[in-house]
Amino acid sequence: MVRARISSKGQLTIPQEIRERYGLDTGDEVEFISEEKGAYLVPLKRKKLTDLYGVLPATRPWVGMKRAREIYSKKLGEEYARKNKVRR
């Protein structure tokens, strides 16, 4: 069991063992959950978008940035035309 002491200003230092285990660093936030039998804290670790790379399997080959922009701009144009009833 790891213990910490609250300072006279109400500050709590999270022990190094806990910070390392949950990857907490300066500026990270934690949430205190209060329950009937006591309270606990939950690390609110924000992830970078790059941390998600490789989470989902690639189901088809990458068409390249230029082709992807062409595909999505065409779809966005069609959606805009449909929503705004633009006739060509």
PDB file of N, CA and C in Angstrom:
ATOM      1  N   MET A   1       0.843  -1.173   0.000  1.00  0.00           N
ATOM      2  CA  MET A   1       0.000   0.000   0.000  1.00  0.00           C
ATOM      3  C   MET A   1       0.889   1.237   0.000  1.00  0.00           C
ATOM      4  N   VAL A   2       0.530   2.214  -0.803  1.00  0.00           N
ATOM      5  CA  VAL A   2       1.291   3.452  -0.909  1.00  0.00           C
ATOM      6  C   VAL A   2       0.501   4.553  -0.209  1.00  0.00           C
ATOM      7  N   ARG A   3       1.196   5.349   0.587  1.00  0.00           N
ATOM      8  CA  ARG A   3       0.533   6.422   1.331  1.00  0.00           C
ATOM      9  C   ARG A   3       1.089   7.782   0.922  1.00  0.00           C
ATOM     10  N   ALA A   4       0.252   8.806   1.139  1.00  0.00           N
ATOM     11  CA  ALA A   4       0.668  10.185   0.905  1.00  0.00           C
ATOM     12  C   ALA A   4       0.056  11.045   2.006  1.00  0.00           C
ATOM     13  N   ARG A   5       0.639  12.217   2.222  1.00  0.00           N
ATOM     14  CA  ARG A   5       0.163  13.108   3.272  1.00  0.00           C
ATOM     15  C   ARG A   5      -0.323  14.411   2.633  1.00  0.00           C
ATOM     16  N   ILE A   6      -1.428  14.938   3.132  1.00  0.00           N
ATOM     17  CA  ILE A   6      -1.971  16.203   2.642  1.00  0.00           C
ATOM     18  C   ILE A   6      -1.274  17.340   3.373  1.00  0.00           C
ATOM     19  N   SER A   7      -0.840  18.353   2.618  1.00  0.00           N
ATOM     20  CA  SER A   7      -0.137  19.493   3.216  1.00  0.00           C
ATOM     21  C   SER A   7      -1.126  20.448   3.870  1.00  0.00           C
ATOM     22  N   SER A   8      -0.594  21.458   4.575  1.00  0.00           N
ATOM     23  CA  SER A   8      -1.445  22.451   5.244  1.00  0.00           C
ATOM     24  C   SER A   8      -2.251  23.265   4.233  1.00  0.00           C
ATOM     25  N   LYS A   9      -1.815  23.283   2.976  1.00  0.00           N
ATOM     26  CA  LYS A   9      -2.535  24.004   1.920  1.00  0.00           C
ATOM     27  C   LYS A   9      -3.525  23.098   1.187  1.00  0.00           C
ATOM     28  N   GLY A  10      -3.676  21.854   1.667  1.00  0.00           N
ATOM     29  CA  GLY A  10      -4.606  20.923   1.039  1.00  0.00           C
ATOM     30  C   GLY A  10      -4.034  20.245  -0.195  1.00  0.00           C
ATOM     31  N   GLN A  11      -2.729  20.338  -0.375  1.00  0.00           N
ATOM     32  CA  GLN A  11      -2.097  19.721  -1.539  1.00  0.00           C
ATOM     33  C   GLN A  11      -1.681  18.295  -1.227  1.00  0.00           C
ATOM     34  N   LEU A  12      -1.715  17.481  -2.259  1.00  0.00           N
ATOM     35  CA  LEU A  12      -1.371  16.075  -2.115  1.00  0.00           C
ATOM     36  C   LEU A  12      -0.308  15.736  -3.151  1.00  0.00           C
ATOM     37  N   THR A  13       0.780  15.141  -2.707  1.00  0.00           N
ATOM     38  CA  THR A  13       1.807  14.689  -3.637  1.00  0.00           C
ATOM     39  C   THR A  13       1.534  13.235  -3.957  1.00  0.00           C
ATOM     40  N   ILE A  14       1.355  12.959  -5.247  1.00  0.00           N
ATOM     41  CA  ILE A  14       1.116  11.576  -5.663  1.00  0.00           C
ATOM     42  C   ILE A  14       2.466  10.864  -5.666  1.00  0.00           C
ATOM     43  N   PRO A  15       2.590   9.760  -4.960  1.00  0.00           N
ATOM     44  CA  PRO A  15       3.869   9.055  -4.868  1.00  0.00           C
ATOM     45  C   PRO A  15       4.414   8.667  -6.250  1.00  0.00           C
ATOM     46  N   GLN A  16       5.734   8.664  -6.349  1.00  0.00           N
ATOM     47  CA  GLN A  16       6.412   8.373  -7.609  1.00  0.00           C
ATOM     48  C   GLN A  16       5.991   7.021  -8.188  1.00  0.00           C
ATOM     49  N   GLU A  17       5.857   6.028  -7.351  1.00  0.00           N
ATOM     50  CA  GLU A  17       5.457   4.693  -7.811  1.00  0.00           C
ATOM     51  C   GLU A  17       4.122   4.742  -8.565  1.00  0.00           C
ATOM     52  N   ILE A  18       3.176   5.508  -8.040  1.00  0.00           N
ATOM     53  CA  ILE A  18       1.859   5.639  -8.670  1.00  0.00           C
ATOM     54  C   ILE A  18       1.954   6.465  -9.954  1.00  0.00           C
ATOM     55  N   ARG A  19       2.713   7.564  -9.916  1.00  0.00           N
ATOM     56  CA  ARG A  19       2.885   8.393 -11.119  1.00  0.00           C
ATOM     57  C   ARG A  19       3.488   7.590 -12.253  1.00  0.00           C
ATOM     58  N   GLU A  20       4.484   6.766 -11.938  1.00  0.00           N
ATOM     59  CA  GLU A  20       5.130   5.954 -12.980  1.00  0.00           C
ATOM     60  C   GLU A  20       4.189   4.873 -13.502  1.00  0.00           C
ATOM     61  N   ARG A  21       3.452   4.238 -12.613  1.00  0.00           N
ATOM     62  CA  ARG A  21       2.547   3.165 -13.014  1.00  0.00           C
ATOM     63  C   ARG A  21       1.483   3.671 -13.996  1.00  0.00           C
ATOM     64  N   TYR A  22       0.969   4.882 -13.764  1.00  0.00           N
ATOM     65  CA  TYR A  22      -0.105   5.414 -14.610  1.00  0.00           C
ATOM     66  C   TYR A  22       0.376   6.451 -15.620  1.00  0.00           C
ATOM     67  N   GLY A  23       1.676   6.639 -15.697  1.00  0.00           N
ATOM     68  CA  GLY A  23       2.232   7.560 -16.688  1.00  0.00           C
ATOM     69  C   GLY A  23       1.849   9.009 -16.453  1.00  0.00           C
ATOM     70  N   LEU A  24       1.706   9.399 -15.198  1.00  0.00           N
ATOM     71  CA  LEU A  24       1.320  10.770 -14.875  1.00  0.00           C
ATOM     72  C   LEU A  24       2.542  11.675 -14.859  1.00  0.00           C
ATOM     73  N   ASP A  25       2.328  12.906 -15.334  1.00  0.00           N
ATOM     74  CA  ASP A  25       3.418  13.872 -15.394  1.00  0.00           C
ATOM     75  C   ASP A  25       2.877  15.239 -15.020  1.00  0.00           C
ATOM     76  N   THR A  26       3.747  16.206 -14.892  1.00  0.00           N
ATOM     77  CA  THR A  26       3.359  17.562 -14.546  1.00  0.00           C
ATOM     78  C   THR A  26       2.279  18.067 -15.492  1.00  0.00           C
ATOM     79  N   GLY A  27       1.220  18.622 -14.929  1.00  0.00           N
ATOM     80  CA  GLY A  27       0.141  19.175 -15.731  1.00  0.00           C
ATOM     81  C   GLY A  27      -0.986  18.203 -16.030  1.00  0.00           C
ATOM     82  N   ASP A  28      -0.775  16.910 -15.792  1.00  0.00           N
ATOM     83  CA  ASP A  28      -1.845  15.934 -16.004  1.00  0.00           C
ATOM     84  C   ASP A  28      -2.925  16.139 -14.943  1.00  0.00           C
ATOM     85  N   GLU A  29      -4.129  15.738 -15.270  1.00  0.00           N
ATOM     86  CA  GLU A  29      -5.244  15.899 -14.345  1.00  0.00           C
ATOM     87  C   GLU A  29      -5.696  14.544 -13.800  1.00  0.00           C
ATOM     88  N   VAL A  30      -6.244  14.598 -12.586  1.00  0.00           N
ATOM     89  CA  VAL A  30      -6.857  13.425 -11.988  1.00  0.00           C
ATOM     90  C   VAL A  30      -8.246  13.830 -11.504  1.00  0.00           C
ATOM     91  N   GLU A  31      -9.126  12.857 -11.422  1.00  0.00           N
ATOM     92  CA  GLU A  31     -10.481  13.111 -10.954  1.00  0.00           C
ATOM     93  C   GLU A  31     -10.679  12.354  -9.643  1.00  0.00           C
ATOM     94  N   PHE A  32     -11.256  13.027  -8.662  1.00  0.00           N
ATOM     95  CA  PHE A  32     -11.540  12.383  -7.386  1.00  0.00           C
ATOM     96  C   PHE A  32     -12.989  11.910  -7.399  1.00  0.00           C
ATOM     97  N   ILE A  33     -13.175  10.635  -7.154  1.00  0.00           N
ATOM     98  CA  ILE A  33     -14.506  10.034  -7.106  1.00  0.00           C
ATOM     99  C   ILE A  33     -14.831   9.770  -5.637  1.00  0.00           C
ATOM    100  N   SER A  34     -15.919  10.351  -5.173  1.00  0.00           N
ATOM    101  CA  SER A  34     -16.323  10.183  -3.781  1.00  0.00           C
ATOM    102  C   SER A  34     -17.448   9.161  -3.702  1.00  0.00           C
ATOM    103  N   GLU A  35     -17.246   8.173  -2.846  1.00  0.00           N
ATOM    104  CA  GLU A  35     -18.253   7.139  -2.622  1.00  0.00           C
ATOM    105  C   GLU A  35     -18.529   7.038  -1.130  1.00  0.00           C
ATOM    106  N   GLU A  36     -19.513   6.260  -0.794  1.00  0.00           N
ATOM    107  CA  GLU A  36     -19.930   6.144   0.598  1.00  0.00           C
ATOM    108  C   GLU A  36     -18.800   5.650   1.508  1.00  0.00           C
ATOM    109  N   LYS A  37     -18.023   4.676   1.051  1.00  0.00           N
ATOM    110  CA  LYS A  37     -16.972   4.082   1.887  1.00  0.00           C
ATOM    111  C   LYS A  37     -15.638   4.814   1.802  1.00  0.00           C
ATOM    112  N   GLY A  38     -15.507   5.764   0.884  1.00  0.00           N
ATOM    113  CA  GLY A  38     -14.254   6.478   0.742  1.00  0.00           C
ATOM    114  C   GLY A  38     -14.170   7.167  -0.607  1.00  0.00           C
ATOM    115  N   ALA A  39     -12.971   7.544  -0.981  1.00  0.00           N
ATOM    116  CA  ALA A  39     -12.770   8.238  -2.253  1.00  0.00           C
ATOM    117  C   ALA A  39     -11.574   7.632  -2.963  1.00  0.00           C
ATOM    118  N   TYR A  40     -11.545   7.754  -4.258  1.00  0.00           N
ATOM    119  CA  TYR A  40     -10.389   7.317  -5.026  1.00  0.00           C
ATOM    120  C   TYR A  40     -10.169   8.278  -6.177  1.00  0.00           C
ATOM    121  N   LEU A  41      -8.994   8.236  -6.746  1.00  0.00           N
ATOM    122  CA  LEU A  41      -8.713   9.146  -7.853  1.00  0.00           C
ATOM    123  C   LEU A  41      -8.492   8.360  -9.133  1.00  0.00           C
ATOM    124  N   VAL A  42      -8.894   8.977 -10.221  1.00  0.00           N
ATOM    125  CA  VAL A  42      -8.784   8.361 -11.540  1.00  0.00           C
ATOM    126  C   VAL A  42      -7.923   9.267 -12.403  1.00  0.00           C
ATOM    127  N   PRO A  43      -6.823   8.763 -12.946  1.00  0.00           N
ATOM    128  CA  PRO A  43      -6.004   9.588 -13.843  1.00  0.00           C
ATOM    129  C   PRO A  43      -6.786   9.925 -15.110  1.00  0.00           C
ATOM    130  N   LEU A  44      -6.779  11.187 -15.491  1.00  0.00           N
ATOM    131  CA  LEU A  44      -7.433  11.623 -16.725  1.00  0.00           C
ATOM    132  C   LEU A  44      -6.340  11.917 -17.741  1.00  0.00           C
ATOM    133  N   LYS A  45      -5.755  10.876 -18.234  1.00  0.00           N
ATOM    134  CA  LYS A  45      -4.639  11.003 -19.157  1.00  0.00           C
ATOM    135  C   LYS A  45      -5.166  11.284 -20.553  1.00  0.00           C
ATOM    136  N   ARG A  46      -4.789  12.416 -21.110  1.00  0.00           N
ATOM    137  CA  ARG A  46      -5.169  12.744 -22.481  1.00  0.00           C
ATOM    138  C   ARG A  46      -4.183  12.091 -23.420  1.00  0.00           C
ATOM    139  N   LYS A  47      -4.712  11.477 -24.433  1.00  0.00           N
ATOM    140  CA  LYS A  47      -3.851  10.818 -25.405  1.00  0.00           C
ATOM    141  C   LYS A  47      -3.665  11.690 -26.629  1.00  0.00           C
ATOM    142  N   LYS A  48      -2.523  11.545 -27.240  1.00  0.00           N
ATOM    143  CA  LYS A  48      -2.268  12.234 -28.490  1.00  0.00           C
ATOM    144  C   LYS A  48      -2.916  11.436 -29.617  1.00  0.00           C
ATOM    145  N   LEU A  49      -3.282  12.115 -30.670  1.00  0.00           N
ATOM    146  CA  LEU A  49      -3.877  11.443 -31.807  1.00  0.00           C
ATOM    147  C   LEU A  49      -2.931  10.391 -32.371  1.00  0.00           C
ATOM    148  N   THR A  50      -1.640  10.666 -32.315  1.00  0.00           N
ATOM    149  CA  THR A  50      -0.663   9.716 -32.851  1.00  0.00           C
ATOM    150  C   THR A  50      -0.599   8.429 -32.025  1.00  0.00           C
ATOM    151  N   ASP A  51      -1.079   8.465 -30.768  1.00  0.00           N
ATOM    152  CA  ASP A  51      -1.106   7.256 -29.942  1.00  0.00           C
ATOM    153  C   ASP A  51      -2.090   6.225 -30.492  1.00  0.00           C
ATOM    154  N   LEU A  52      -3.036   6.671 -31.314  1.00  0.00           N
ATOM    155  CA  LEU A  52      -4.040   5.769 -31.865  1.00  0.00           C
ATOM    156  C   LEU A  52      -3.570   5.061 -33.128  1.00  0.00           C
ATOM    157  N   TYR A  53      -2.397   5.442 -33.640  1.00  0.00           N
ATOM    158  CA  TYR A  53      -1.898   4.835 -34.865  1.00  0.00           C
ATOM    159  C   TYR A  53      -1.758   3.328 -34.686  1.00  0.00           C
ATOM    160  N   GLY A  54      -2.353   2.575 -35.605  1.00  0.00           N
ATOM    161  CA  GLY A  54      -2.245   1.129 -35.583  1.00  0.00           C
ATOM    162  C   GLY A  54      -3.283   0.421 -34.727  1.00  0.00           C
ATOM    163  N   VAL A  55      -4.183   1.178 -34.098  1.00  0.00           N
ATOM    164  CA  VAL A  55      -5.203   0.564 -33.253  1.00  0.00           C
ATOM    165  C   VAL A  55      -6.187  -0.243 -34.100  1.00  0.00           C
ATOM    166  N   LEU A  56      -6.564   0.304 -35.234  1.00  0.00           N
ATOM    167  CA  LEU A  56      -7.486  -0.392 -36.124  1.00  0.00           C
ATOM    168  C   LEU A  56      -6.719  -1.028 -37.271  1.00  0.00           C
ATOM    169  N   PRO A  57      -7.117  -2.217 -37.669  1.00  0.00           N
ATOM    170  CA  PRO A  57      -6.408  -2.867 -38.773  1.00  0.00           C
ATOM    171  C   PRO A  57      -6.740  -2.182 -40.108  1.00  0.00           C
ATOM    172  N   ALA A  58      -5.754  -2.130 -40.984  1.00  0.00           N
ATOM    173  CA  ALA A  58      -5.974  -1.588 -42.316  1.00  0.00           C
ATOM    174  C   ALA A  58      -6.689  -2.660 -43.142  1.00  0.00           C
ATOM    175  N   THR A  59      -7.863  -2.314 -43.675  1.00  0.00           N
ATOM    176  CA  THR A  59      -8.631  -3.295 -44.437  1.00  0.00           C
ATOM    177  C   THR A  59      -8.443  -3.141 -45.936  1.00  0.00           C
ATOM    178  N   ARG A  60      -7.813  -2.056 -46.335  1.00  0.00           N
ATOM    179  CA  ARG A  60      -7.542  -1.855 -47.764  1.00  0.00           C
ATOM    180  C   ARG A  60      -6.293  -0.993 -47.892  1.00  0.00           C
ATOM    181  N   PRO A  61      -5.641  -1.027 -49.033  1.00  0.00           N
ATOM    182  CA  PRO A  61      -4.406  -0.260 -49.189  1.00  0.00           C
ATOM    183  C   PRO A  61      -4.674   1.248 -49.216  1.00  0.00           C
ATOM    184  N   TRP A  62      -3.708   2.008 -48.776  1.00  0.00           N
ATOM    185  CA  TRP A  62      -3.786   3.463 -48.747  1.00  0.00           C
ATOM    186  C   TRP A  62      -3.683   3.998 -50.172  1.00  0.00           C
ATOM    187  N   VAL A  63      -4.631   4.870 -50.537  1.00  0.00           N
ATOM    188  CA  VAL A  63      -4.675   5.395 -51.908  1.00  0.00           C
ATOM    189  C   VAL A  63      -3.772   6.592 -52.104  1.00  0.00           C
ATOM    190  N   GLY A  64      -3.246   7.128 -51.031  1.00  0.00           N
ATOM    191  CA  GLY A  64      -2.387   8.302 -51.099  1.00  0.00           C
ATOM    192  C   GLY A  64      -3.168   9.564 -50.764  1.00  0.00           C
ATOM    193  N   MET A  65      -2.462  10.574 -50.320  1.00  0.00           N
ATOM    194  CA  MET A  65      -3.097  11.803 -49.858  1.00  0.00           C
ATOM    195  C   MET A  65      -3.840  12.524 -50.980  1.00  0.00           C
ATOM    196  N   LYS A  66      -3.228  12.607 -52.136  1.00  0.00           N
ATOM    197  CA  LYS A  66      -3.852  13.336 -53.247  1.00  0.00           C
ATOM    198  C   LYS A  66      -5.188  12.684 -53.630  1.00  0.00           C
ATOM    199  N   ARG A  67      -5.193  11.376 -53.791  1.00  0.00           N
ATOM    200  CA  ARG A  67      -6.415  10.661 -54.181  1.00  0.00           C
ATOM    201  C   ARG A  67      -7.458  10.713 -53.061  1.00  0.00           C
ATOM    202  N   ALA A  68      -7.015  10.604 -51.812  1.00  0.00           N
ATOM    203  CA  ALA A  68      -7.941  10.683 -50.680  1.00  0.00           C
ATOM    204  C   ALA A  68      -8.630  12.036 -50.654  1.00  0.00           C
ATOM    205  N   ARG A  69      -7.896  13.117 -50.903  1.00  0.00           N
ATOM    206  CA  ARG A  69      -8.495  14.456 -50.941  1.00  0.00           C
ATOM    207  C   ARG A  69      -9.502  14.570 -52.063  1.00  0.00           C
ATOM    208  N   GLU A  70      -9.187  13.985 -53.217  1.00  0.00           N
ATOM    209  CA  GLU A  70     -10.126  14.016 -54.344  1.00  0.00           C
ATOM    210  C   GLU A  70     -11.427  13.296 -53.975  1.00  0.00           C
ATOM    211  N   ILE A  71     -11.301  12.131 -53.380  1.00  0.00           N
ATOM    212  CA  ILE A  71     -12.474  11.334 -53.008  1.00  0.00           C
ATOM    213  C   ILE A  71     -13.341  12.091 -52.008  1.00  0.00           C
ATOM    214  N   TYR A  72     -12.715  12.607 -50.946  1.00  0.00           N
ATOM    215  CA  TYR A  72     -13.481  13.262 -49.894  1.00  0.00           C
ATOM    216  C   TYR A  72     -14.028  14.611 -50.325  1.00  0.00           C
ATOM    217  N   SER A  73     -13.308  15.346 -51.158  1.00  0.00           N
ATOM    218  CA  SER A  73     -13.847  16.624 -51.633  1.00  0.00           C
ATOM    219  C   SER A  73     -15.058  16.382 -52.527  1.00  0.00           C
ATOM    220  N   LYS A  74     -15.030  15.327 -53.321  1.00  0.00           N
ATOM    221  CA  LYS A  74     -16.184  14.989 -54.160  1.00  0.00           C
ATOM    222  C   LYS A  74     -17.380  14.635 -53.273  1.00  0.00           C
ATOM    223  N   LYS A  75     -17.147  13.805 -52.246  1.00  0.00           N
ATOM    224  CA  LYS A  75     -18.237  13.418 -51.346  1.00  0.00           C
ATOM    225  C   LYS A  75     -18.784  14.621 -50.586  1.00  0.00           C
ATOM    226  N   LEU A  76     -17.913  15.508 -50.126  1.00  0.00           N
ATOM    227  CA  LEU A  76     -18.366  16.701 -49.422  1.00  0.00           C
ATOM    228  C   LEU A  76     -19.171  17.606 -50.346  1.00  0.00           C
ATOM    229  N   GLY A  77     -18.729  17.727 -51.598  1.00  0.00           N
ATOM    230  CA  GLY A  77     -19.457  18.531 -52.578  1.00  0.00           C
ATOM    231  C   GLY A  77     -20.843  17.962 -52.834  1.00  0.00           C
ATOM    232  N   GLU A  78     -20.944  16.650 -52.956  1.00  0.00           N
ATOM    233  CA  GLU A  78     -22.240  16.004 -53.157  1.00  0.00           C
ATOM    234  C   GLU A  78     -23.150  16.200 -51.947  1.00  0.00           C
ATOM    235  N   GLU A  79     -22.590  16.089 -50.751  1.00  0.00           N
ATOM    236  CA  GLU A  79     -23.382  16.280 -49.539  1.00  0.00           C
ATOM    237  C   GLU A  79     -23.866  17.718 -49.428  1.00  0.00           C
ATOM    238  N   TYR A  80     -22.994  18.665 -49.746  1.00  0.00           N
ATOM    239  CA  TYR A  80     -23.375  20.083 -49.714  1.00  0.00           C
ATOM    240  C   TYR A  80     -24.503  20.351 -50.710  1.00  0.00           C
ATOM    241  N   ALA A  81     -24.362  19.817 -51.912  1.00  0.00           N
ATOM    242  CA  ALA A  81     -25.381  20.008 -52.945  1.00  0.00           C
ATOM    243  C   ALA A  81     -26.709  19.393 -52.507  1.00  0.00           C
ATOM    244  N   ARG A  82     -26.657  18.231 -51.898  1.00  0.00           N
ATOM    245  CA  ARG A  82     -27.876  17.563 -51.438  1.00  0.00           C
ATOM    246  C   ARG A  82     -28.549  18.370 -50.334  1.00  0.00           C
ATOM    247  N   LYS A  83     -27.781  18.846 -49.374  1.00  0.00           N
ATOM    248  CA  LYS A  83     -28.354  19.597 -48.258  1.00  0.00           C
ATOM    249  C   LYS A  83     -28.891  20.952 -48.688  1.00  0.00           C
ATOM    250  N   ASN A  84     -28.239  21.572 -49.623  1.00  0.00           N
ATOM    251  CA  ASN A  84     -28.630  22.914 -50.045  1.00  0.00           C
ATOM    252  C   ASN A  84     -29.408  22.917 -51.358  1.00  0.00           C
ATOM    253  N   LYS A  85     -29.687  21.743 -51.848  1.00  0.00           N
ATOM    254  CA  LYS A  85     -30.466  21.548 -53.085  1.00  0.00           C
ATOM    255  C   LYS A  85     -29.925  22.396 -54.236  1.00  0.00           C
ATOM    256  N   VAL A  86     -28.634  22.319 -54.418  1.00  0.00           N
ATOM    257  CA  VAL A  86     -27.972  23.021 -55.514  1.00  0.00           C
ATOM    258  C   VAL A  86     -28.103  22.161 -56.748  1.00  0.00           C
ATOM    259  N   ARG A  87     -28.544  22.751 -57.823  1.00  0.00           N
ATOM    260  CA  ARG A  87     -28.685  22.006 -59.074  1.00  0.00           C
ATOM    261  C   ARG A  87     -27.542  22.314 -59.997  1.00  0.00           C
ATOM    262  N   ARG A  88     -27.115  21.300 -60.707  1.00  0.00           N
ATOM    263  CA  ARG A  88     -26.001  21.468 -61.649  1.00  0.00           C
ATOM    264  C   ARG A  88     -26.490  21.386 -63.053  1.00  0.00           C
TER     265      ARG A  88
END
